Amino acid sequence: MLPTFRDGAEEALAVAAVAARARLDGVFAFDHLWPMGQPQRPALAPFPVLAAIATRWPSLWVGPLVARVGLYGNDELIERFRTLETMAPGRVIAAVGTGDHLSQGEEVAYGLDDRPAADRRAMLVEVIAALAPRMTVWCGAGSPRTNELARNLGAEINLWAAAPEAVAEAASLGPVNWAGPLDDASAATLSALRDAGATWAIASSPSGIEALREWRTSH
């Protein structure tokens, strides 16, 4: 995950350079209007940052984690992903989600519609159906109904800070990936996630880059 809760993109670009040198697979950016629970802090829009990185480091996959349908109209969100894909053909992960109560305050503060969950799921289905034929699509894990809809459309489920046991349970139903903090036992955690069936592991802090590099080198 890139450090995008900043006033400028310099640090995010520097982290991307380190990730590319470490031969990691990709970098991701949060899609929030402020850091969770900290409305006084800044947040960079993810798509411009990812576009800048995609054109500089052609080895890296890029994607938001995750783009929430409530922040955009569907046509706009779909077009943002398609535009990013022209800059990084074959290297975009269209990670999308419905949002939840933890991010609801952002929509309210900016005067966005507080849509019911059923409406947001319908928006999610439309976005996934439009993007899945063209690029890899992930869906932020939500209710069982949301996860089922996503899988039926060919999207992979993204779990946040889930235990390996939860990853294994989700993987029994279809492809799943993991994102979250890596602690001092990162090597053991990464191995457990691999064995549980996770296709990706995304460190939520740039401090995890070295641990990811070392694990990849030894495995």
C-alpha atoms as a PDB file:
ATOM      1  CA  MET A   1       0.000   0.000   0.000  1.00  0.00           C
ATOM      2  CA  LEU A   2       1.301   3.433  -0.963  1.00  0.00           C
ATOM      3  CA  PRO A   3       1.521   6.305   1.555  1.00  0.00           C
ATOM      4  CA  THR A   4      -1.190   8.515   0.052  1.00  0.00           C
ATOM      5  CA  PHE A   5      -2.476  10.215   3.185  1.00  0.00           C
ATOM      6  CA  ARG A   6      -0.079  13.062   2.445  1.00  0.00           C
ATOM      7  CA  ASP A   7      -0.102  16.585   0.997  1.00  0.00           C
ATOM      8  CA  GLY A   8       1.877  15.474  -2.062  1.00  0.00           C
ATOM      9  CA  ALA A   9       2.766  12.370  -4.063  1.00  0.00           C
ATOM     10  CA  GLU A  10       6.553  12.422  -3.613  1.00  0.00           C
ATOM     11  CA  GLU A  11       6.623   9.745  -0.909  1.00  0.00           C
ATOM     12  CA  ALA A  12       4.223   7.490  -2.808  1.00  0.00           C
ATOM     13  CA  LEU A  13       6.429   7.685  -5.902  1.00  0.00           C
ATOM     14  CA  ALA A  14       9.519   6.927  -3.816  1.00  0.00           C
ATOM     15  CA  VAL A  15       7.874   3.864  -2.284  1.00  0.00           C
ATOM     16  CA  ALA A  16       6.836   2.646  -5.735  1.00  0.00           C
ATOM     17  CA  ALA A  17      10.454   2.920  -6.863  1.00  0.00           C
ATOM     18  CA  VAL A  18      11.581   0.809  -3.897  1.00  0.00           C
ATOM     19  CA  ALA A  19       8.847  -1.761  -4.607  1.00  0.00           C
ATOM     20  CA  ALA A  20       9.929  -2.001  -8.244  1.00  0.00           C
ATOM     21  CA  ARG A  21      13.579  -2.466  -7.263  1.00  0.00           C
ATOM     22  CA  ALA A  22      12.523  -5.164  -4.782  1.00  0.00           C
ATOM     23  CA  ARG A  23      10.720  -6.917  -7.661  1.00  0.00           C
ATOM     24  CA  LEU A  24       7.366  -6.902  -5.914  1.00  0.00           C
ATOM     25  CA  ASP A  25       4.323  -7.548  -8.065  1.00  0.00           C
ATOM     26  CA  GLY A  26       2.381  -4.343  -7.534  1.00  0.00           C
ATOM     27  CA  VAL A  27       1.386  -1.321  -5.487  1.00  0.00           C
ATOM     28  CA  PHE A  28      -2.026  -0.139  -4.343  1.00  0.00           C
ATOM     29  CA  ALA A  29      -3.625   3.070  -3.087  1.00  0.00           C
ATOM     30  CA  PHE A  30      -6.444   3.654  -0.633  1.00  0.00           C
ATOM     31  CA  ASP A  31      -9.606   5.294  -1.966  1.00  0.00           C
ATOM     32  CA  HIS A  32     -10.616   7.426   1.007  1.00  0.00           C
ATOM     33  CA  LEU A  33     -11.338  11.121   1.435  1.00  0.00           C
ATOM     34  CA  TRP A  34      -9.312  11.072   4.645  1.00  0.00           C
ATOM     35  CA  PRO A  35      -7.541   8.421   6.741  1.00  0.00           C
ATOM     36  CA  MET A  36     -10.068   6.341   8.633  1.00  0.00           C
ATOM     37  CA  GLY A  37     -11.298   8.358  11.604  1.00  0.00           C
ATOM     38  CA  GLN A  38      -8.980  11.321  10.909  1.00  0.00           C
ATOM     39  CA  PRO A  39     -10.914  13.904   8.847  1.00  0.00           C
ATOM     40  CA  GLN A  40      -8.346  16.610   9.569  1.00  0.00           C
ATOM     41  CA  ARG A  41      -5.683  14.821   7.495  1.00  0.00           C
ATOM     42  CA  PRO A  42      -5.222  14.936   3.695  1.00  0.00           C
ATOM     43  CA  ALA A  43      -5.706  12.121   1.202  1.00  0.00           C
ATOM     44  CA  LEU A  44      -4.523  11.888  -2.400  1.00  0.00           C
ATOM     45  CA  ALA A  45      -6.941  10.671  -5.059  1.00  0.00           C
ATOM     46  CA  PRO A  46      -5.750   7.165  -6.005  1.00  0.00           C
ATOM     47  CA  PHE A  47      -6.160   7.115  -9.786  1.00  0.00           C
ATOM     48  CA  PRO A  48      -3.774   9.994 -10.663  1.00  0.00           C
ATOM     49  CA  VAL A  49      -1.108   8.547  -8.345  1.00  0.00           C
ATOM     50  CA  LEU A  50      -1.497   5.071  -9.830  1.00  0.00           C
ATOM     51  CA  ALA A  51      -1.379   6.461 -13.372  1.00  0.00           C
ATOM     52  CA  ALA A  52       1.892   8.255 -12.625  1.00  0.00           C
ATOM     53  CA  ILE A  53       3.379   5.062 -11.193  1.00  0.00           C
ATOM     54  CA  ALA A  54       2.119   2.872 -14.039  1.00  0.00           C
ATOM     55  CA  THR A  55       3.917   4.964 -16.625  1.00  0.00           C
ATOM     56  CA  ARG A  56       7.182   5.114 -14.641  1.00  0.00           C
ATOM     57  CA  TRP A  57       7.549   1.468 -13.566  1.00  0.00           C
ATOM     58  CA  PRO A  58       6.201  -0.941 -16.203  1.00  0.00           C
ATOM     59  CA  SER A  59       6.892  -3.981 -14.013  1.00  0.00           C
ATOM     60  CA  LEU A  60       4.326  -3.017 -11.379  1.00  0.00           C
ATOM     61  CA  TRP A  61       0.660  -3.892 -11.280  1.00  0.00           C
ATOM     62  CA  VAL A  62      -1.480  -1.046  -9.932  1.00  0.00           C
ATOM     63  CA  GLY A  63      -4.916  -0.670  -8.412  1.00  0.00           C
ATOM     64  CA  PRO A  64      -6.975   1.071  -5.736  1.00  0.00           C
ATOM     65  CA  LEU A  65      -7.848  -0.893  -2.614  1.00  0.00           C
ATOM     66  CA  VAL A  66     -10.714  -0.525  -2.968  1.00  0.00           C
ATOM     67  CA  ALA A  67     -12.593   1.991  -5.130  1.00  0.00           C
ATOM     68  CA  ARG A  68     -15.977   2.483  -3.466  1.00  0.00           C
ATOM     69  CA  VAL A  69     -18.976   2.736  -5.761  1.00  0.00           C
ATOM     70  CA  GLY A  70     -20.569   5.346  -3.489  1.00  0.00           C
ATOM     71  CA  LEU A  71     -17.854   7.883  -4.264  1.00  0.00           C
ATOM     72  CA  TYR A  72     -18.464   7.839  -8.016  1.00  0.00           C
ATOM     73  CA  GLY A  73     -21.144   7.432 -10.602  1.00  0.00           C
ATOM     74  CA  ASN A  74     -20.749   4.058 -12.273  1.00  0.00           C
ATOM     75  CA  ASP A  75     -19.912   5.501 -15.679  1.00  0.00           C
ATOM     76  CA  GLU A  76     -17.156   7.624 -14.169  1.00  0.00           C
ATOM     77  CA  LEU A  77     -15.680   4.777 -12.139  1.00  0.00           C
ATOM     78  CA  ILE A  78     -15.671   2.400 -15.101  1.00  0.00           C
ATOM     79  CA  GLU A  79     -14.001   5.036 -17.278  1.00  0.00           C
ATOM     80  CA  ARG A  80     -11.312   5.692 -14.661  1.00  0.00           C
ATOM     81  CA  PHE A  81     -10.347   2.038 -14.658  1.00  0.00           C
ATOM     82  CA  ARG A  82     -10.396   1.821 -18.449  1.00  0.00           C
ATOM     83  CA  THR A  83      -8.216   4.926 -18.713  1.00  0.00           C
ATOM     84  CA  LEU A  84      -5.741   3.507 -16.201  1.00  0.00           C
ATOM     85  CA  GLU A  85      -5.667   0.281 -18.191  1.00  0.00           C
ATOM     86  CA  THR A  86      -4.577   2.153 -21.323  1.00  0.00           C
ATOM     87  CA  MET A  87      -1.525   3.318 -19.359  1.00  0.00           C
ATOM     88  CA  ALA A  88      -0.824  -0.107 -17.867  1.00  0.00           C
ATOM     89  CA  PRO A  89      -2.277  -2.728 -20.217  1.00  0.00           C
ATOM     90  CA  GLY A  90      -2.550  -6.066 -18.473  1.00  0.00           C
ATOM     91  CA  ARG A  91      -1.369  -4.577 -15.166  1.00  0.00           C
ATOM     92  CA  VAL A  92      -4.513  -3.077 -13.607  1.00  0.00           C
ATOM     93  CA  ILE A  93      -6.437  -4.663 -10.764  1.00  0.00           C
ATOM     94  CA  ALA A  94      -9.926  -3.193 -10.629  1.00  0.00           C
ATOM     95  CA  ALA A  95     -10.556  -3.562  -6.914  1.00  0.00           C
ATOM     96  CA  VAL A  96     -14.017  -2.274  -6.032  1.00  0.00           C
ATOM     97  CA  GLY A  97     -16.366  -2.377  -3.074  1.00  0.00           C
ATOM     98  CA  THR A  98     -19.623  -1.113  -1.642  1.00  0.00           C
ATOM     99  CA  GLY A  99     -18.165   0.649   1.415  1.00  0.00           C
ATOM    100  CA  ASP A 100     -19.501   0.178   4.930  1.00  0.00           C
ATOM    101  CA  HIS A 101     -20.362   2.056   8.117  1.00  0.00           C
ATOM    102  CA  LEU A 102     -16.685   2.811   8.778  1.00  0.00           C
ATOM    103  CA  SER A 103     -16.444   4.988   5.663  1.00  0.00           C
ATOM    104  CA  GLN A 104     -19.979   6.359   5.740  1.00  0.00           C
ATOM    105  CA  GLY A 105     -18.893   9.599   7.402  1.00  0.00           C
ATOM    106  CA  GLU A 106     -16.861  10.555   4.331  1.00  0.00           C
ATOM    107  CA  GLU A 107     -19.885  10.420   2.046  1.00  0.00           C
ATOM    108  CA  VAL A 108     -22.032  12.356   4.508  1.00  0.00           C
ATOM    109  CA  ALA A 109     -19.404  15.078   4.982  1.00  0.00           C
ATOM    110  CA  TYR A 110     -19.142  15.659   1.228  1.00  0.00           C
ATOM    111  CA  GLY A 111     -22.873  15.604   0.595  1.00  0.00           C
ATOM    112  CA  LEU A 112     -22.891  12.320  -1.318  1.00  0.00           C
ATOM    113  CA  ASP A 113     -25.959  10.134  -1.386  1.00  0.00           C
ATOM    114  CA  ASP A 114     -26.210   7.678   1.494  1.00  0.00           C
ATOM    115  CA  ARG A 115     -27.432   4.789  -0.619  1.00  0.00           C
ATOM    116  CA  PRO A 116     -28.934   1.630   0.896  1.00  0.00           C
ATOM    117  CA  ALA A 117     -26.817  -1.521   0.769  1.00  0.00           C
ATOM    118  CA  ALA A 118     -29.031  -3.073  -1.911  1.00  0.00           C
ATOM    119  CA  ASP A 119     -28.509  -0.074  -4.186  1.00  0.00           C
ATOM    120  CA  ARG A 120     -24.752  -0.171  -3.673  1.00  0.00           C
ATOM    121  CA  ARG A 121     -24.697  -3.882  -4.475  1.00  0.00           C
ATOM    122  CA  ALA A 122     -26.580  -3.194  -7.694  1.00  0.00           C
ATOM    123  CA  MET A 123     -23.999  -0.541  -8.604  1.00  0.00           C
ATOM    124  CA  LEU A 124     -21.202  -2.981  -7.777  1.00  0.00           C
ATOM    125  CA  VAL A 125     -22.677  -5.638 -10.051  1.00  0.00           C
ATOM    126  CA  GLU A 126     -22.834  -3.170 -12.943  1.00  0.00           C
ATOM    127  CA  VAL A 127     -19.217  -2.077 -12.459  1.00  0.00           C
ATOM    128  CA  ILE A 128     -17.856  -5.622 -12.158  1.00  0.00           C
ATOM    129  CA  ALA A 129     -19.803  -6.798 -15.203  1.00  0.00           C
ATOM    130  CA  ALA A 130     -18.384  -3.933 -17.263  1.00  0.00           C
ATOM    131  CA  LEU A 131     -14.761  -4.425 -16.177  1.00  0.00           C
ATOM    132  CA  ALA A 132     -14.345  -8.190 -15.759  1.00  0.00           C
ATOM    133  CA  PRO A 133     -14.038  -8.960 -19.492  1.00  0.00           C
ATOM    134  CA  ARG A 134     -11.150  -6.511 -19.766  1.00  0.00           C
ATOM    135  CA  MET A 135      -9.123  -6.693 -16.554  1.00  0.00           C
ATOM    136  CA  THR A 136      -8.634  -8.495 -13.255  1.00  0.00           C
ATOM    137  CA  VAL A 137     -11.381  -7.555 -10.787  1.00  0.00           C
ATOM    138  CA  TRP A 138     -11.328  -7.840  -7.014  1.00  0.00           C
ATOM    139  CA  CYS A 139     -14.221  -7.146  -4.669  1.00  0.00           C
ATOM    140  CA  GLY A 140     -13.802  -5.953  -1.102  1.00  0.00           C
ATOM    141  CA  ALA A 141     -15.271  -8.651   1.108  1.00  0.00           C
ATOM    142  CA  GLY A 142     -18.687  -7.737   2.465  1.00  0.00           C
ATOM    143  CA  SER A 143     -21.851  -9.571   3.350  1.00  0.00           C
ATOM    144  CA  PRO A 144     -22.256 -13.148   2.083  1.00  0.00           C
ATOM    145  CA  ARG A 145     -24.706 -11.770  -0.489  1.00  0.00           C
ATOM    146  CA  THR A 146     -22.115  -9.273  -1.798  1.00  0.00           C
ATOM    147  CA  ASN A 147     -19.397 -11.917  -1.952  1.00  0.00           C
ATOM    148  CA  GLU A 148     -21.661 -14.340  -3.806  1.00  0.00           C
ATOM    149  CA  LEU A 149     -22.628 -11.703  -6.371  1.00  0.00           C
ATOM    150  CA  ALA A 150     -18.970 -10.817  -6.943  1.00  0.00           C
ATOM    151  CA  ARG A 151     -17.882 -14.422  -7.398  1.00  0.00           C
ATOM    152  CA  ASN A 152     -20.716 -15.124  -9.801  1.00  0.00           C
ATOM    153  CA  LEU A 153     -19.340 -12.315 -11.963  1.00  0.00           C
ATOM    154  CA  GLY A 154     -15.768 -13.624 -11.867  1.00  0.00           C
ATOM    155  CA  ALA A 155     -14.335 -11.274  -9.235  1.00  0.00           C
ATOM    156  CA  GLU A 156     -11.810 -12.337  -6.628  1.00  0.00           C
ATOM    157  CA  ILE A 157     -12.619 -11.564  -2.975  1.00  0.00           C
ATOM    158  CA  ASN A 158     -10.289  -9.246  -1.040  1.00  0.00           C
ATOM    159  CA  LEU A 159     -10.042  -9.817   2.725  1.00  0.00           C
ATOM    160  CA  TRP A 160      -8.626  -7.180   5.070  1.00  0.00           C
ATOM    161  CA  ALA A 161      -6.405  -8.343   7.976  1.00  0.00           C
ATOM    162  CA  ALA A 162      -8.111 -11.741   8.042  1.00  0.00           C
ATOM    163  CA  ALA A 163      -6.627 -14.714   9.846  1.00  0.00           C
ATOM    164  CA  PRO A 164      -5.267 -17.519   7.648  1.00  0.00           C
ATOM    165  CA  GLU A 165      -8.181 -19.685   8.773  1.00  0.00           C
ATOM    166  CA  ALA A 166     -10.650 -17.126   7.394  1.00  0.00           C
ATOM    167  CA  VAL A 167      -8.653 -16.962   4.158  1.00  0.00           C
ATOM    168  CA  ALA A 168      -8.825 -20.742   3.827  1.00  0.00           C
ATOM    169  CA  GLU A 169     -12.578 -20.705   4.399  1.00  0.00           C
ATOM    170  CA  ALA A 170     -13.059 -18.032   1.744  1.00  0.00           C
ATOM    171  CA  ALA A 171     -10.697 -19.817  -0.654  1.00  0.00           C
ATOM    172  CA  SER A 172     -12.861 -22.932  -0.452  1.00  0.00           C
ATOM    173  CA  LEU A 173     -15.544 -20.924  -2.287  1.00  0.00           C
ATOM    174  CA  GLY A 174     -13.336 -19.221  -4.873  1.00  0.00           C
ATOM    175  CA  PRO A 175     -10.198 -17.110  -5.430  1.00  0.00           C
ATOM    176  CA  VAL A 176      -9.280 -14.813  -2.545  1.00  0.00           C
ATOM    177  CA  ASN A 177      -6.469 -12.397  -1.687  1.00  0.00           C
ATOM    178  CA  TRP A 178      -5.340 -10.691   1.517  1.00  0.00           C
ATOM    179  CA  ALA A 179      -4.288  -7.210   2.619  1.00  0.00           C
ATOM    180  CA  GLY A 180      -3.296  -5.940   6.049  1.00  0.00           C
ATOM    181  CA  PRO A 181      -0.424  -5.182   8.417  1.00  0.00           C
ATOM    182  CA  LEU A 182       2.601  -7.448   8.613  1.00  0.00           C
ATOM    183  CA  ASP A 183       4.100  -7.902  12.063  1.00  0.00           C
ATOM    184  CA  ASP A 184       7.444  -9.233  13.266  1.00  0.00           C
ATOM    185  CA  ALA A 185       6.341 -12.737  12.267  1.00  0.00           C
ATOM    186  CA  SER A 186       5.765 -11.641   8.682  1.00  0.00           C
ATOM    187  CA  ALA A 187       7.507 -14.624   7.068  1.00  0.00           C
ATOM    188  CA  ALA A 188       5.333 -17.071   8.966  1.00  0.00           C
ATOM    189  CA  THR A 189       2.235 -15.002   8.189  1.00  0.00           C
ATOM    190  CA  LEU A 190       2.998 -14.912   4.467  1.00  0.00           C
ATOM    191  CA  SER A 191       3.613 -18.653   4.351  1.00  0.00           C
ATOM    192  CA  ALA A 192       0.362 -19.311   6.226  1.00  0.00           C
ATOM    193  CA  LEU A 193      -1.561 -17.070   3.825  1.00  0.00           C
ATOM    194  CA  ARG A 194      -0.037 -18.856   0.828  1.00  0.00           C
ATOM    195  CA  ASP A 195      -0.927 -22.243   2.273  1.00  0.00           C
ATOM    196  CA  ALA A 196      -4.461 -20.992   2.981  1.00  0.00           C
ATOM    197  CA  GLY A 197      -4.919 -20.170  -0.702  1.00  0.00           C
ATOM    198  CA  ALA A 198      -4.349 -16.403  -0.918  1.00  0.00           C
ATOM    199  CA  THR A 199      -3.303 -15.311  -4.402  1.00  0.00           C
ATOM    200  CA  TRP A 200      -1.841 -11.972  -3.240  1.00  0.00           C
ATOM    201  CA  ALA A 201      -0.624 -10.539   0.062  1.00  0.00           C
ATOM    202  CA  ILE A 202      -0.561  -6.738   0.243  1.00  0.00           C
ATOM    203  CA  ALA A 203       1.296  -5.057   3.111  1.00  0.00           C
ATOM    204  CA  SER A 204      -0.695  -2.094   4.415  1.00  0.00           C
ATOM    205  CA  SER A 205       2.474  -0.171   5.292  1.00  0.00           C
ATOM    206  CA  PRO A 206       5.562   0.517   3.152  1.00  0.00           C
ATOM    207  CA  SER A 207       7.624  -0.780   6.074  1.00  0.00           C
ATOM    208  CA  GLY A 208       6.572  -4.266   4.946  1.00  0.00           C
ATOM    209  CA  ILE A 209       8.402  -4.048   1.614  1.00  0.00           C
ATOM    210  CA  GLU A 210      11.613  -5.617   2.882  1.00  0.00           C
ATOM    211  CA  ALA A 211       9.722  -8.473   4.528  1.00  0.00           C
ATOM    212  CA  LEU A 212       7.862  -9.127   1.281  1.00  0.00           C
ATOM    213  CA  ARG A 213      11.092  -9.039  -0.716  1.00  0.00           C
ATOM    214  CA  GLU A 214      12.863 -11.448   1.629  1.00  0.00           C
ATOM    215  CA  TRP A 215       9.937 -13.871   1.622  1.00  0.00           C
ATOM    216  CA  ARG A 216       9.661 -13.784  -2.184  1.00  0.00           C
ATOM    217  CA  THR A 217      13.405 -14.391  -2.522  1.00  0.00           C
ATOM    218  CA  SER A 218      13.332 -17.421  -0.219  1.00  0.00           C
ATOM    219  CA  HIS A 219      10.143 -18.914  -1.650  1.00  0.00           C
END
